[in-house]
C-alpha atoms as a PDB file:
ATOM      1  CA  MET A   1      12.104  20.153  13.677  1.00  0.00           C
ATOM      2  CA  ILE A   2      10.143  18.550  16.482  1.00  0.00           C
ATOM      3  CA  ASP A   3      11.260  15.347  18.176  1.00  0.00           C
ATOM      4  CA  SER A   4       9.497  11.983  18.084  1.00  0.00           C
ATOM      5  CA  GLU A   5       7.978  12.375  21.550  1.00  0.00           C
ATOM      6  CA  GLU A   6       6.427  15.705  20.566  1.00  0.00           C
ATOM      7  CA  ILE A   7       5.029  14.104  17.403  1.00  0.00           C
ATOM      8  CA  LEU A   8       3.361  11.397  19.495  1.00  0.00           C
ATOM      9  CA  ARG A   9       1.956  14.006  21.901  1.00  0.00           C
ATOM     10  CA  ARG A  10       0.528  16.085  19.047  1.00  0.00           C
ATOM     11  CA  LEU A  11      -1.004  13.057  17.326  1.00  0.00           C
ATOM     12  CA  THR A  12      -2.426  11.748  20.613  1.00  0.00           C
ATOM     13  CA  ILE A  13      -4.337  14.972  21.198  1.00  0.00           C
ATOM     14  CA  GLY A  14      -5.293  15.271  17.543  1.00  0.00           C
ATOM     15  CA  ASP A  15      -3.532  18.623  17.130  1.00  0.00           C
ATOM     16  CA  ARG A  16      -5.347  19.875  14.020  1.00  0.00           C
ATOM     17  CA  ALA A  17      -2.611  22.250  12.913  1.00  0.00           C
ATOM     18  CA  TYR A  18       0.013  19.541  13.194  1.00  0.00           C
ATOM     19  CA  CYS A  19      -2.168  17.018  11.339  1.00  0.00           C
ATOM     20  CA  ARG A  20      -2.762  19.537   8.543  1.00  0.00           C
ATOM     21  CA  SER A  21       0.992  20.106   8.325  1.00  0.00           C
ATOM     22  CA  LEU A  22       1.545  16.353   7.957  1.00  0.00           C
ATOM     23  CA  LEU A  23      -0.894  16.174   5.077  1.00  0.00           C
ATOM     24  CA  ALA A  24       0.598  19.264   3.425  1.00  0.00           C
ATOM     25  CA  ALA A  25       4.144  17.930   3.761  1.00  0.00           C
ATOM     26  CA  GLU A  26       3.115  14.589   2.276  1.00  0.00           C
ATOM     27  CA  SER A  27       1.379  16.174  -0.688  1.00  0.00           C
ATOM     28  CA  GLN A  28       4.596  18.096  -1.368  1.00  0.00           C
ATOM     29  CA  GLY A  29       6.753  14.963  -1.090  1.00  0.00           C
ATOM     30  CA  GLY A  30       8.315  16.074   2.177  1.00  0.00           C
ATOM     31  CA  PRO A  31      11.587  14.621   3.462  1.00  0.00           C
ATOM     32  CA  HIS A  32      11.520  11.212   5.115  1.00  0.00           C
ATOM     33  CA  ALA A  33      14.035   9.246   7.142  1.00  0.00           C
ATOM     34  CA  LEU A  34      13.012   6.088   5.258  1.00  0.00           C
ATOM     35  CA  ASP A  35      14.415   5.176   1.874  1.00  0.00           C
ATOM     36  CA  ALA A  36      12.038   5.150  -1.104  1.00  0.00           C
ATOM     37  CA  ARG A  37      11.586   1.345  -1.096  1.00  0.00           C
ATOM     38  CA  SER A  38      10.732   1.238   2.609  1.00  0.00           C
ATOM     39  CA  LEU A  39       8.425   4.220   2.308  1.00  0.00           C
ATOM     40  CA  SER A  40       6.554   2.722  -0.646  1.00  0.00           C
ATOM     41  CA  LEU A  41       6.212  -0.632   1.151  1.00  0.00           C
ATOM     42  CA  LEU A  42       4.847   1.121   4.206  1.00  0.00           C
ATOM     43  CA  ARG A  43       2.310   3.063   2.131  1.00  0.00           C
ATOM     44  CA  LEU A  44       1.330  -0.052   0.226  1.00  0.00           C
ATOM     45  CA  GLY A  45       0.838  -1.931   3.489  1.00  0.00           C
ATOM     46  CA  ALA A  46      -1.349   0.857   4.808  1.00  0.00           C
ATOM     47  CA  THR A  47      -3.414   0.700   1.631  1.00  0.00           C
ATOM     48  CA  MET A  48      -3.807  -3.046   2.073  1.00  0.00           C
ATOM     49  CA  THR A  49      -5.101  -2.629   5.613  1.00  0.00           C
ATOM     50  CA  SER A  50      -7.306   0.423   5.109  1.00  0.00           C
ATOM     51  CA  GLY A  51      -9.948  -0.932   2.772  1.00  0.00           C
ATOM     52  CA  THR A  52      -9.022   1.566   0.089  1.00  0.00           C
ATOM     53  CA  ALA A  53     -10.208   0.847  -3.440  1.00  0.00           C
ATOM     54  CA  GLY A  54      -9.825   2.362  -6.869  1.00  0.00           C
ATOM     55  CA  PRO A  55      -7.108   4.695  -8.135  1.00  0.00           C
ATOM     56  CA  VAL A  56      -5.169   4.721  -4.860  1.00  0.00           C
ATOM     57  CA  TRP A  57      -4.110   1.145  -5.611  1.00  0.00           C
ATOM     58  CA  GLN A  58      -2.586   2.135  -8.930  1.00  0.00           C
ATOM     59  CA  GLN A  59      -0.818   5.081  -7.337  1.00  0.00           C
ATOM     60  CA  ARG A  60       0.663   2.988  -4.513  1.00  0.00           C
ATOM     61  CA  VAL A  61       1.749   0.161  -6.811  1.00  0.00           C
ATOM     62  CA  SER A  62       3.266   2.629  -9.276  1.00  0.00           C
ATOM     63  CA  GLU A  63       5.214   4.249  -6.436  1.00  0.00           C
ATOM     64  CA  ALA A  64       6.398   0.828  -5.268  1.00  0.00           C
ATOM     65  CA  LEU A  65       7.572  -0.188  -8.731  1.00  0.00           C
ATOM     66  CA  GLU A  66       9.262   3.186  -9.267  1.00  0.00           C
ATOM     67  CA  SER A  67      11.107   2.758  -5.960  1.00  0.00           C
ATOM     68  CA  GLY A  68      12.650  -0.424  -7.307  1.00  0.00           C
ATOM     69  CA  LEU A  69      10.355  -3.036  -5.822  1.00  0.00           C
ATOM     70  CA  ARG A  70       9.622  -5.995  -8.065  1.00  0.00           C
ATOM     71  CA  PHE A  71       6.227  -7.594  -8.762  1.00  0.00           C
ATOM     72  CA  GLU A  72       7.213 -10.568  -6.587  1.00  0.00           C
ATOM     73  CA  GLU A  73       8.231  -8.371  -3.654  1.00  0.00           C
ATOM     74  CA  ILE A  74       4.953  -6.487  -3.757  1.00  0.00           C
ATOM     75  CA  VAL A  75       2.982  -9.740  -3.734  1.00  0.00           C
ATOM     76  CA  GLU A  76       5.184 -11.024  -0.921  1.00  0.00           C
ATOM     77  CA  ALA A  77       4.254  -7.945   1.115  1.00  0.00           C
ATOM     78  CA  LEU A  78       0.637  -9.097   0.988  1.00  0.00           C
ATOM     79  CA  THR A  79       1.522 -12.635   2.073  1.00  0.00           C
ATOM     80  CA  ILE A  80       3.585 -11.261   4.954  1.00  0.00           C
ATOM     81  CA  LEU A  81       0.723  -9.008   6.056  1.00  0.00           C
ATOM     82  CA  ALA A  82      -1.955 -11.699   5.691  1.00  0.00           C
ATOM     83  CA  PRO A  83      -1.621 -13.132   9.225  1.00  0.00           C
ATOM     84  CA  THR A  84      -1.772  -9.607  10.668  1.00  0.00           C
ATOM     85  CA  ILE A  85      -4.595  -8.161   8.564  1.00  0.00           C
ATOM     86  CA  GLY A  86      -6.508 -11.436   8.425  1.00  0.00           C
ATOM     87  CA  ILE A  87      -6.995 -13.876   5.613  1.00  0.00           C
ATOM     88  CA  ASP A  88     -10.389 -12.410   4.675  1.00  0.00           C
ATOM     89  CA  ARG A  89      -8.812  -8.989   4.165  1.00  0.00           C
ATOM     90  CA  ALA A  90      -5.899 -10.500   2.206  1.00  0.00           C
ATOM     91  CA  VAL A  91      -8.376 -12.311  -0.045  1.00  0.00           C
ATOM     92  CA  ALA A  92     -10.269  -9.052  -0.611  1.00  0.00           C
ATOM     93  CA  VAL A  93      -7.032  -7.179  -1.365  1.00  0.00           C
ATOM     94  CA  ALA A  94      -5.562  -9.748  -3.784  1.00  0.00           C
ATOM     95  CA  PRO A  95      -7.634  -8.860  -6.870  1.00  0.00           C
ATOM     96  CA  GLU A  96      -7.139  -5.100  -6.298  1.00  0.00           C
ATOM     97  CA  LEU A  97      -3.402  -5.632  -6.030  1.00  0.00           C
ATOM     98  CA  ALA A  98      -3.330  -7.920  -9.071  1.00  0.00           C
ATOM     99  CA  ARG A  99      -5.124  -5.368 -11.230  1.00  0.00           C
ATOM    100  CA  ALA A 100      -2.892  -2.533 -10.043  1.00  0.00           C
ATOM    101  CA  LEU A 101       0.128  -4.670 -10.953  1.00  0.00           C
ATOM    102  CA  GLY A 102      -1.298  -5.166 -14.444  1.00  0.00           C
ATOM    103  CA  TYR A 103      -2.028  -8.851 -13.913  1.00  0.00           C
ATOM    104  CA  ASP A 104      -5.330  -9.849 -15.516  1.00  0.00           C
ATOM    105  CA  ILE A 105      -6.577 -11.931 -12.618  1.00  0.00           C
ATOM    106  CA  ASP A 106     -10.018 -12.374 -14.161  1.00  0.00           C
ATOM    107  CA  ALA A 107      -8.597 -13.916 -17.342  1.00  0.00           C
ATOM    108  CA  ALA A 108      -6.265 -16.105 -15.287  1.00  0.00           C
ATOM    109  CA  LEU A 109      -9.195 -17.433 -13.265  1.00  0.00           C
ATOM    110  CA  GLU A 110     -11.239 -18.052 -16.416  1.00  0.00           C
ATOM    111  CA  ARG A 111      -8.370 -20.131 -17.823  1.00  0.00           C
ATOM    112  CA  LEU A 112      -8.370 -22.215 -14.655  1.00  0.00           C
ATOM    113  CA  ASP A 113     -12.121 -22.773 -14.942  1.00  0.00           C
ATOM    114  CA  ASP A 114     -11.921 -23.666 -18.654  1.00  0.00           C
ATOM    115  CA  PRO A 115      -8.782 -25.644 -19.540  1.00  0.00           C
ATOM    116  CA  SER A 116      -9.528 -25.173 -23.256  1.00  0.00           C
ATOM    117  CA  LEU A 117      -8.557 -21.475 -22.825  1.00  0.00           C
ATOM    118  CA  SER A 118      -5.018 -22.317 -21.682  1.00  0.00           C
END
């Protein structure tokens, strides 16, 4: 097991073998010092900041829910990140997150536009 300083050195120089080992360990569900909730929040936050779209959202949200996070906590993560990632990014992320959570944001917005649908 290498120490934290060595990890930073290897990442700083872009050590290809080490980077490949990180990806391999992650795909195999390698051991982590973080608990499942913290790990899923961290991954979800990274997804929110990276501009990722599509099936990754469903995977990250599923992991978060399986780790014990609630719908409200996942949404709160976005509101906490908003000042850091920027409001424009948070606005872009919101519908992706809503859909991954199973919330029909499009229907909800239609109901707001047409009160007769409520």
